[in-house]
Amino acid sequence: MSESIFKAMADPNRREILRLLAKKTMSAGEIASYLSIAKSTLSSHFTILKKADLIREERDGTTIYYSLNLSVVEEVMATVMGLFNIDKSNNGK
């Protein structure tokens, strides 16, 4: 797992973006409506999340839609669970 993933997840705004995208694909405007940060700051958060490969973007005309990259998120979760010796099959027991 790359350091860019840890950097991406270190910021509370980026974690909130990931939580929002876990529910559904959203445009930047939709995401911005949940966060009280400047659009330029939001853009830099998207750049960091994309660099870590945690999110994907798809353009539809002038609108960009963001979605969670589930395969990478699952890999991150498995790695973190492994660090703490948590076994999903027996709920950590």
PDB file of N, CA and C in Angstrom:
ATOM      1  N   MET A   1       0.860  -1.168   0.000  1.00  0.00           N
ATOM      2  CA  MET A   1       0.000   0.000   0.000  1.00  0.00           C
ATOM      3  C   MET A   1       0.908   1.235   0.000  1.00  0.00           C
ATOM      4  N   SER A   2       0.624   2.165  -0.886  1.00  0.00           N
ATOM      5  CA  SER A   2       1.499   3.319  -1.041  1.00  0.00           C
ATOM      6  C   SER A   2       1.250   4.385   0.028  1.00  0.00           C
ATOM      7  N   GLU A   3       2.263   5.220   0.217  1.00  0.00           N
ATOM      8  CA  GLU A   3       2.141   6.314   1.177  1.00  0.00           C
ATOM      9  C   GLU A   3       1.092   7.327   0.746  1.00  0.00           C
ATOM     10  N   SER A   4       0.824   7.395  -0.564  1.00  0.00           N
ATOM     11  CA  SER A   4      -0.180   8.352  -1.041  1.00  0.00           C
ATOM     12  C   SER A   4      -1.558   8.021  -0.484  1.00  0.00           C
ATOM     13  N   ILE A   5      -1.823   6.760  -0.193  1.00  0.00           N
ATOM     14  CA  ILE A   5      -3.105   6.370   0.395  1.00  0.00           C
ATOM     15  C   ILE A   5      -3.199   6.897   1.823  1.00  0.00           C
ATOM     16  N   PHE A   6      -2.124   6.762   2.587  1.00  0.00           N
ATOM     17  CA  PHE A   6      -2.137   7.276   3.954  1.00  0.00           C
ATOM     18  C   PHE A   6      -2.273   8.793   3.960  1.00  0.00           C
ATOM     19  N   LYS A   7      -1.585   9.458   3.035  1.00  0.00           N
ATOM     20  CA  LYS A   7      -1.703  10.918   2.934  1.00  0.00           C
ATOM     21  C   LYS A   7      -3.138  11.296   2.593  1.00  0.00           C
ATOM     22  N   ALA A   8      -3.737  10.572   1.665  1.00  0.00           N
ATOM     23  CA  ALA A   8      -5.110  10.871   1.236  1.00  0.00           C
ATOM     24  C   ALA A   8      -6.094  10.706   2.385  1.00  0.00           C
ATOM     25  N   MET A   9      -5.892   9.708   3.196  1.00  0.00           N
ATOM     26  CA  MET A   9      -6.840   9.415   4.261  1.00  0.00           C
ATOM     27  C   MET A   9      -6.550  10.198   5.544  1.00  0.00           C
ATOM     28  N   ALA A  10      -5.452  10.924   5.568  1.00  0.00           N
ATOM     29  CA  ALA A  10      -5.084  11.664   6.777  1.00  0.00           C
ATOM     30  C   ALA A  10      -5.951  12.893   7.007  1.00  0.00           C
ATOM     31  N   ASP A  11      -6.554  13.419   5.958  1.00  0.00           N
ATOM     32  CA  ASP A  11      -7.324  14.650   6.079  1.00  0.00           C
ATOM     33  C   ASP A  11      -8.804  14.360   6.303  1.00  0.00           C
ATOM     34  N   PRO A  12      -9.438  15.001   7.282  1.00  0.00           N
ATOM     35  CA  PRO A  12     -10.856  14.737   7.561  1.00  0.00           C
ATOM     36  C   PRO A  12     -11.788  15.093   6.399  1.00  0.00           C
ATOM     37  N   ASN A  13     -11.450  16.117   5.630  1.00  0.00           N
ATOM     38  CA  ASN A  13     -12.284  16.451   4.474  1.00  0.00           C
ATOM     39  C   ASN A  13     -12.237  15.357   3.414  1.00  0.00           C
ATOM     40  N   ARG A  14     -11.060  14.790   3.211  1.00  0.00           N
ATOM     41  CA  ARG A  14     -10.949  13.703   2.221  1.00  0.00           C
ATOM     42  C   ARG A  14     -11.660  12.450   2.720  1.00  0.00           C
ATOM     43  N   ARG A  15     -11.590  12.190   4.012  1.00  0.00           N
ATOM     44  CA  ARG A  15     -12.335  11.045   4.552  1.00  0.00           C
ATOM     45  C   ARG A  15     -13.834  11.255   4.372  1.00  0.00           C
ATOM     46  N   GLU A  16     -14.298  12.486   4.548  1.00  0.00           N
ATOM     47  CA  GLU A  16     -15.723  12.775   4.341  1.00  0.00           C
ATOM     48  C   GLU A  16     -16.106  12.598   2.875  1.00  0.00           C
ATOM     49  N   ILE A  17     -15.242  13.008   1.967  1.00  0.00           N
ATOM     50  CA  ILE A  17     -15.503  12.794   0.539  1.00  0.00           C
ATOM     51  C   ILE A  17     -15.635  11.300   0.267  1.00  0.00           C
ATOM     52  N   LEU A  18     -14.760  10.498   0.835  1.00  0.00           N
ATOM     53  CA  LEU A  18     -14.838   9.042   0.646  1.00  0.00           C
ATOM     54  C   LEU A  18     -16.132   8.486   1.230  1.00  0.00           C
ATOM     55  N   ARG A  19     -16.543   8.984   2.401  1.00  0.00           N
ATOM     56  CA  ARG A  19     -17.807   8.530   2.999  1.00  0.00           C
ATOM     57  C   ARG A  19     -18.992   8.858   2.089  1.00  0.00           C
ATOM     58  N   LEU A  20     -18.983  10.058   1.535  1.00  0.00           N
ATOM     59  CA  LEU A  20     -20.064  10.460   0.634  1.00  0.00           C
ATOM     60  C   LEU A  20     -20.087   9.584  -0.611  1.00  0.00           C
ATOM     61  N   LEU A  21     -18.918   9.327  -1.177  1.00  0.00           N
ATOM     62  CA  LEU A  21     -18.847   8.526  -2.397  1.00  0.00           C
ATOM     63  C   LEU A  21     -19.127   7.049  -2.144  1.00  0.00           C
ATOM     64  N   ALA A  22     -19.022   6.624  -0.897  1.00  0.00           N
ATOM     65  CA  ALA A  22     -19.372   5.241  -0.576  1.00  0.00           C
ATOM     66  C   ALA A  22     -20.866   5.014  -0.748  1.00  0.00           C
ATOM     67  N   LYS A  23     -21.652   6.099  -0.671  1.00  0.00           N
ATOM     68  CA  LYS A  23     -23.103   6.004  -0.818  1.00  0.00           C
ATOM     69  C   LYS A  23     -23.539   6.047  -2.269  1.00  0.00           C
ATOM     70  N   LYS A  24     -22.870   6.924  -3.073  1.00  0.00           N
ATOM     71  CA  LYS A  24     -23.250   7.041  -4.485  1.00  0.00           C
ATOM     72  C   LYS A  24     -22.230   7.888  -5.233  1.00  0.00           C
ATOM     73  N   THR A  25     -22.257   7.787  -6.553  1.00  0.00           N
ATOM     74  CA  THR A  25     -21.461   8.647  -7.418  1.00  0.00           C
ATOM     75  C   THR A  25     -22.021  10.058  -7.332  1.00  0.00           C
ATOM     76  N   MET A  26     -21.128  11.043  -7.254  1.00  0.00           N
ATOM     77  CA  MET A  26     -21.565  12.424  -7.077  1.00  0.00           C
ATOM     78  C   MET A  26     -20.723  13.364  -7.930  1.00  0.00           C
ATOM     79  N   SER A  27     -21.320  14.491  -8.284  1.00  0.00           N
ATOM     80  CA  SER A  27     -20.570  15.541  -8.970  1.00  0.00           C
ATOM     81  C   SER A  27     -19.812  16.353  -7.922  1.00  0.00           C
ATOM     82  N   ALA A  28     -18.864  17.148  -8.399  1.00  0.00           N
ATOM     83  CA  ALA A  28     -18.109  18.007  -7.489  1.00  0.00           C
ATOM     84  C   ALA A  28     -19.047  18.965  -6.763  1.00  0.00           C
ATOM     85  N   GLY A  29     -20.039  19.486  -7.469  1.00  0.00           N
ATOM     86  CA  GLY A  29     -20.994  20.401  -6.859  1.00  0.00           C
ATOM     87  C   GLY A  29     -21.792  19.747  -5.749  1.00  0.00           C
ATOM     88  N   GLU A  30     -22.203  18.499  -5.980  1.00  0.00           N
ATOM     89  CA  GLU A  30     -22.944  17.777  -4.939  1.00  0.00           C
ATOM     90  C   GLU A  30     -22.071  17.578  -3.705  1.00  0.00           C
ATOM     91  N   ILE A  31     -20.826  17.194  -3.928  1.00  0.00           N
ATOM     92  CA  ILE A  31     -19.911  16.970  -2.805  1.00  0.00           C
ATOM     93  C   ILE A  31     -19.670  18.283  -2.060  1.00  0.00           C
ATOM     94  N   ALA A  32     -19.496  19.365  -2.813  1.00  0.00           N
ATOM     95  CA  ALA A  32     -19.239  20.674  -2.208  1.00  0.00           C
ATOM     96  C   ALA A  32     -20.391  21.114  -1.311  1.00  0.00           C
ATOM     97  N   SER A  33     -21.606  20.696  -1.648  1.00  0.00           N
ATOM     98  CA  SER A  33     -22.760  21.102  -0.834  1.00  0.00           C
ATOM     99  C   SER A  33     -22.721  20.496   0.571  1.00  0.00           C
ATOM    100  N   TYR A  34     -21.937  19.439   0.765  1.00  0.00           N
ATOM    101  CA  TYR A  34     -21.815  18.803   2.079  1.00  0.00           C
ATOM    102  C   TYR A  34     -20.619  19.324   2.871  1.00  0.00           C
ATOM    103  N   LEU A  35     -19.704  20.008   2.194  1.00  0.00           N
ATOM    104  CA  LEU A  35     -18.480  20.474   2.845  1.00  0.00           C
ATOM    105  C   LEU A  35     -18.408  21.989   2.785  1.00  0.00           C
ATOM    106  N   SER A  36     -17.884  22.601   3.808  1.00  0.00           N
ATOM    107  CA  SER A  36     -17.759  24.054   3.809  1.00  0.00           C
ATOM    108  C   SER A  36     -16.313  24.450   3.521  1.00  0.00           C
ATOM    109  N   ILE A  37     -15.886  24.135   2.292  1.00  0.00           N
ATOM    110  CA  ILE A  37     -14.538  24.490   1.853  1.00  0.00           C
ATOM    111  C   ILE A  37     -14.616  25.103   0.459  1.00  0.00           C
ATOM    112  N   ALA A  38     -13.602  25.870   0.105  1.00  0.00           N
ATOM    113  CA  ALA A  38     -13.558  26.530  -1.199  1.00  0.00           C
ATOM    114  C   ALA A  38     -13.426  25.490  -2.317  1.00  0.00           C
ATOM    115  N   LYS A  39     -13.966  25.812  -3.475  1.00  0.00           N
ATOM    116  CA  LYS A  39     -13.902  24.888  -4.614  1.00  0.00           C
ATOM    117  C   LYS A  39     -12.461  24.578  -5.011  1.00  0.00           C
ATOM    118  N   SER A  40     -11.570  25.559  -4.894  1.00  0.00           N
ATOM    119  CA  SER A  40     -10.163  25.305  -5.233  1.00  0.00           C
ATOM    120  C   SER A  40      -9.550  24.297  -4.255  1.00  0.00           C
ATOM    121  N   THR A  41      -9.937  24.384  -2.996  1.00  0.00           N
ATOM    122  CA  THR A  41      -9.462  23.423  -1.997  1.00  0.00           C
ATOM    123  C   THR A  41     -10.036  22.044  -2.282  1.00  0.00           C
ATOM    124  N   LEU A  42     -11.300  22.009  -2.667  1.00  0.00           N
ATOM    125  CA  LEU A  42     -11.940  20.742  -3.008  1.00  0.00           C
ATOM    126  C   LEU A  42     -11.220  20.090  -4.184  1.00  0.00           C
ATOM    127  N   SER A  43     -10.848  20.886  -5.155  1.00  0.00           N
ATOM    128  CA  SER A  43     -10.123  20.378  -6.316  1.00  0.00           C
ATOM    129  C   SER A  43      -8.801  19.738  -5.898  1.00  0.00           C
ATOM    130  N   SER A  44      -8.094  20.351  -4.961  1.00  0.00           N
ATOM    131  CA  SER A  44      -6.828  19.758  -4.511  1.00  0.00           C
ATOM    132  C   SER A  44      -7.071  18.453  -3.753  1.00  0.00           C
ATOM    133  N   HIS A  45      -8.182  18.368  -3.028  1.00  0.00           N
ATOM    134  CA  HIS A  45      -8.520  17.112  -2.353  1.00  0.00           C
ATOM    135  C   HIS A  45      -8.782  16.013  -3.390  1.00  0.00           C
ATOM    136  N   PHE A  46      -9.507  16.351  -4.456  1.00  0.00           N
ATOM    137  CA  PHE A  46      -9.759  15.375  -5.520  1.00  0.00           C
ATOM    138  C   PHE A  46      -8.443  14.895  -6.141  1.00  0.00           C
ATOM    139  N   THR A  47      -7.519  15.810  -6.352  1.00  0.00           N
ATOM    140  CA  THR A  47      -6.228  15.448  -6.936  1.00  0.00           C
ATOM    141  C   THR A  47      -5.493  14.442  -6.067  1.00  0.00           C
ATOM    142  N   ILE A  48      -5.486  14.677  -4.767  1.00  0.00           N
ATOM    143  CA  ILE A  48      -4.803  13.766  -3.839  1.00  0.00           C
ATOM    144  C   ILE A  48      -5.502  12.411  -3.800  1.00  0.00           C
ATOM    145  N   LEU A  49      -6.825  12.410  -3.775  1.00  0.00           N
ATOM    146  CA  LEU A  49      -7.577  11.150  -3.761  1.00  0.00           C
ATOM    147  C   LEU A  49      -7.383  10.374  -5.056  1.00  0.00           C
ATOM    148  N   LYS A  50      -7.323  11.068  -6.187  1.00  0.00           N
ATOM    149  CA  LYS A  50      -7.077  10.399  -7.473  1.00  0.00           C
ATOM    150  C   LYS A  50      -5.668   9.842  -7.533  1.00  0.00           C
ATOM    151  N   LYS A  51      -4.694  10.594  -7.026  1.00  0.00           N
ATOM    152  CA  LYS A  51      -3.305  10.127  -7.019  1.00  0.00           C
ATOM    153  C   LYS A  51      -3.174   8.837  -6.217  1.00  0.00           C
ATOM    154  N   ALA A  52      -3.943   8.737  -5.145  1.00  0.00           N
ATOM    155  CA  ALA A  52      -3.941   7.521  -4.318  1.00  0.00           C
ATOM    156  C   ALA A  52      -4.803   6.426  -4.935  1.00  0.00           C
ATOM    157  N   ASP A  53      -5.475   6.729  -6.033  1.00  0.00           N
ATOM    158  CA  ASP A  53      -6.354   5.808  -6.753  1.00  0.00           C
ATOM    159  C   ASP A  53      -7.577   5.388  -5.929  1.00  0.00           C
ATOM    160  N   LEU A  54      -7.967   6.239  -4.972  1.00  0.00           N
ATOM    161  CA  LEU A  54      -9.133   5.941  -4.143  1.00  0.00           C
ATOM    162  C   LEU A  54     -10.445   6.347  -4.817  1.00  0.00           C
ATOM    163  N   ILE A  55     -10.365   7.291  -5.761  1.00  0.00           N
ATOM    164  CA  ILE A  55     -11.566   7.707  -6.479  1.00  0.00           C
ATOM    165  C   ILE A  55     -11.304   7.698  -7.975  1.00  0.00           C
ATOM    166  N   ARG A  56     -12.397   7.629  -8.723  1.00  0.00           N
ATOM    167  CA  ARG A  56     -12.375   7.692 -10.185  1.00  0.00           C
ATOM    168  C   ARG A  56     -13.201   8.893 -10.601  1.00  0.00           C
ATOM    169  N   GLU A  57     -12.890   9.439 -11.763  1.00  0.00           N
ATOM    170  CA  GLU A  57     -13.701  10.531 -12.282  1.00  0.00           C
ATOM    171  C   GLU A  57     -14.170  10.194 -13.689  1.00  0.00           C
ATOM    172  N   GLU A  58     -15.353  10.677 -13.993  1.00  0.00           N
ATOM    173  CA  GLU A  58     -15.924  10.471 -15.322  1.00  0.00           C
ATOM    174  C   GLU A  58     -16.599  11.771 -15.737  1.00  0.00           C
ATOM    175  N   ARG A  59     -16.271  12.236 -16.922  1.00  0.00           N
ATOM    176  CA  ARG A  59     -16.813  13.498 -17.420  1.00  0.00           C
ATOM    177  C   ARG A  59     -18.058  13.231 -18.261  1.00  0.00           C
ATOM    178  N   ASP A  60     -19.084  14.032 -18.002  1.00  0.00           N
ATOM    179  CA  ASP A  60     -20.308  14.006 -18.799  1.00  0.00           C
ATOM    180  C   ASP A  60     -20.588  15.450 -19.209  1.00  0.00           C
ATOM    181  N   GLY A  61     -20.149  15.820 -20.399  1.00  0.00           N
ATOM    182  CA  GLY A  61     -20.242  17.215 -20.815  1.00  0.00           C
ATOM    183  C   GLY A  61     -19.308  18.054 -19.977  1.00  0.00           C
ATOM    184  N   THR A  62     -19.852  19.041 -19.305  1.00  0.00           N
ATOM    185  CA  THR A  62     -19.022  19.905 -18.456  1.00  0.00           C
ATOM    186  C   THR A  62     -19.005  19.461 -17.000  1.00  0.00           C
ATOM    187  N   THR A  63     -19.736  18.405 -16.690  1.00  0.00           N
ATOM    188  CA  THR A  63     -19.823  17.922 -15.312  1.00  0.00           C
ATOM    189  C   THR A  63     -18.899  16.730 -15.111  1.00  0.00           C
ATOM    190  N   ILE A  64     -18.165  16.753 -14.007  1.00  0.00           N
ATOM    191  CA  ILE A  64     -17.313  15.626 -13.640  1.00  0.00           C
ATOM    192  C   ILE A  64     -17.969  14.908 -12.479  1.00  0.00           C
ATOM    193  N   TYR A  65     -18.119  13.603 -12.633  1.00  0.00           N
ATOM    194  CA  TYR A  65     -18.687  12.766 -11.575  1.00  0.00           C
ATOM    195  C   TYR A  65     -17.572  11.939 -10.946  1.00  0.00           C
ATOM    196  N   TYR A  66     -17.635  11.832  -9.638  1.00  0.00           N
ATOM    197  CA  TYR A  66     -16.635  11.082  -8.886  1.00  0.00           C
ATOM    198  C   TYR A  66     -17.280   9.854  -8.259  1.00  0.00           C
ATOM    199  N   SER A  67     -16.511   8.774  -8.223  1.00  0.00           N
ATOM    200  CA  SER A  67     -16.984   7.548  -7.586  1.00  0.00           C
ATOM    201  C   SER A  67     -15.821   6.915  -6.832  1.00  0.00           C
ATOM    202  N   LEU A  68     -16.167   6.084  -5.897  1.00  0.00           N
ATOM    203  CA  LEU A  68     -15.188   5.371  -5.090  1.00  0.00           C
ATOM    204  C   LEU A  68     -14.574   4.252  -5.927  1.00  0.00           C
ATOM    205  N   ASN A  69     -13.286   4.074  -5.830  1.00  0.00           N
ATOM    206  CA  ASN A  69     -12.610   2.962  -6.480  1.00  0.00           C
ATOM    207  C   ASN A  69     -12.639   1.792  -5.484  1.00  0.00           C
ATOM    208  N   LEU A  70     -13.681   0.998  -5.576  1.00  0.00           N
ATOM    209  CA  LEU A  70     -13.930  -0.033  -4.563  1.00  0.00           C
ATOM    210  C   LEU A  70     -12.806  -1.050  -4.426  1.00  0.00           C
ATOM    211  N   SER A  71     -12.157  -1.425  -5.517  1.00  0.00           N
ATOM    212  CA  SER A  71     -11.106  -2.431  -5.410  1.00  0.00           C
ATOM    213  C   SER A  71      -9.937  -1.923  -4.560  1.00  0.00           C
ATOM    214  N   VAL A  72      -9.579  -0.655  -4.705  1.00  0.00           N
ATOM    215  CA  VAL A  72      -8.493  -0.097  -3.902  1.00  0.00           C
ATOM    216  C   VAL A  72      -8.938   0.073  -2.454  1.00  0.00           C
ATOM    217  N   VAL A  73     -10.165   0.540  -2.241  1.00  0.00           N
ATOM    218  CA  VAL A  73     -10.677   0.707  -0.883  1.00  0.00           C
ATOM    219  C   VAL A  73     -10.707  -0.648  -0.161  1.00  0.00           C
ATOM    220  N   GLU A  74     -11.137  -1.689  -0.846  1.00  0.00           N
ATOM    221  CA  GLU A  74     -11.151  -3.026  -0.245  1.00  0.00           C
ATOM    222  C   GLU A  74      -9.741  -3.486   0.108  1.00  0.00           C
ATOM    223  N   GLU A  75      -8.778  -3.187  -0.756  1.00  0.00           N
ATOM    224  CA  GLU A  75      -7.392  -3.546  -0.488  1.00  0.00           C
ATOM    225  C   GLU A  75      -6.868  -2.806   0.743  1.00  0.00           C
ATOM    226  N   VAL A  76      -7.207  -1.519   0.849  1.00  0.00           N
ATOM    227  CA  VAL A  76      -6.790  -0.726   2.011  1.00  0.00           C
ATOM    228  C   VAL A  76      -7.391  -1.314   3.285  1.00  0.00           C
ATOM    229  N   MET A  77      -8.678  -1.630   3.242  1.00  0.00           N
ATOM    230  CA  MET A  77      -9.348  -2.195   4.422  1.00  0.00           C
ATOM    231  C   MET A  77      -8.713  -3.523   4.827  1.00  0.00           C
ATOM    232  N   ALA A  78      -8.421  -4.363   3.856  1.00  0.00           N
ATOM    233  CA  ALA A  78      -7.798  -5.649   4.165  1.00  0.00           C
ATOM    234  C   ALA A  78      -6.422  -5.457   4.787  1.00  0.00           C
ATOM    235  N   THR A  79      -5.664  -4.499   4.279  1.00  0.00           N
ATOM    236  CA  THR A  79      -4.339  -4.228   4.827  1.00  0.00           C
ATOM    237  C   THR A  79      -4.426  -3.716   6.259  1.00  0.00           C
ATOM    238  N   VAL A  80      -5.332  -2.783   6.502  1.00  0.00           N
ATOM    239  CA  VAL A  80      -5.496  -2.232   7.855  1.00  0.00           C
ATOM    240  C   VAL A  80      -5.956  -3.327   8.811  1.00  0.00           C
ATOM    241  N   MET A  81      -6.896  -4.137   8.373  1.00  0.00           N
ATOM    242  CA  MET A  81      -7.362  -5.231   9.237  1.00  0.00           C
ATOM    243  C   MET A  81      -6.221  -6.200   9.535  1.00  0.00           C
ATOM    244  N   GLY A  82      -5.372  -6.439   8.549  1.00  0.00           N
ATOM    245  CA  GLY A  82      -4.227  -7.312   8.755  1.00  0.00           C
ATOM    246  C   GLY A  82      -3.228  -6.728   9.733  1.00  0.00           C
ATOM    247  N   LEU A  83      -3.047  -5.413   9.693  1.00  0.00           N
ATOM    248  CA  LEU A  83      -2.133  -4.756  10.636  1.00  0.00           C
ATOM    249  C   LEU A  83      -2.551  -4.984  12.084  1.00  0.00           C
ATOM    250  N   PHE A  84      -3.845  -5.043  12.302  1.00  0.00           N
ATOM    251  CA  PHE A  84      -4.373  -5.213  13.651  1.00  0.00           C
ATOM    252  C   PHE A  84      -4.833  -6.644  13.918  1.00  0.00           C
ATOM    253  N   ASN A  85      -4.448  -7.534  13.023  1.00  0.00           N
ATOM    254  CA  ASN A  85      -4.746  -8.959  13.162  1.00  0.00           C
ATOM    255  C   ASN A  85      -6.241  -9.211  13.341  1.00  0.00           C
ATOM    256  N   ILE A  86      -7.045  -8.515  12.537  1.00  0.00           N
ATOM    257  CA  ILE A  86      -8.491  -8.668  12.576  1.00  0.00           C
ATOM    258  C   ILE A  86      -8.910  -9.595  11.441  1.00  0.00           C
ATOM    259  N   ASP A  87      -9.626 -10.630  11.786  1.00  0.00           N
ATOM    260  CA  ASP A  87     -10.111 -11.595  10.808  1.00  0.00           C
ATOM    261  C   ASP A  87     -11.608 -11.362  10.602  1.00  0.00           C
ATOM    262  N   LYS A  88     -12.002 -10.970   9.378  1.00  0.00           N
ATOM    263  CA  LYS A  88     -13.413 -10.687   9.101  1.00  0.00           C
ATOM    264  C   LYS A  88     -14.303 -11.901   9.347  1.00  0.00           C
ATOM    265  N   SER A  89     -13.795 -13.086   9.147  1.00  0.00           N
ATOM    266  CA  SER A  89     -14.632 -14.282   9.251  1.00  0.00           C
ATOM    267  C   SER A  89     -15.096 -14.574  10.672  1.00  0.00           C
ATOM    268  N   ASN A  90     -14.322 -14.113  11.664  1.00  0.00           N
ATOM    269  CA  ASN A  90     -14.741 -14.384  13.051  1.00  0.00           C
ATOM    270  C   ASN A  90     -14.886 -13.081  13.849  1.00  0.00           C
ATOM    271  N   ASN A  91     -15.087 -11.970  13.141  1.00  0.00           N
ATOM    272  CA  ASN A  91     -15.302 -10.669  13.774  1.00  0.00           C
ATOM    273  C   ASN A  91     -14.195 -10.283  14.744  1.00  0.00           C
ATOM    274  N   GLY A  92     -12.944 -10.645  14.389  1.00  0.00           N
ATOM    275  CA  GLY A  92     -11.793 -10.219  15.185  1.00  0.00           C
ATOM    276  C   GLY A  92     -11.527 -11.058  16.406  1.00  0.00           C
ATOM    277  N   LYS A  93     -12.193 -12.197  16.558  1.00  0.00           N
ATOM    278  CA  LYS A  93     -11.998 -13.049  17.750  1.00  0.00           C
ATOM    279  C   LYS A  93     -11.061 -14.182  17.454  1.00  0.00           C
TER     280      LYS A  93
END
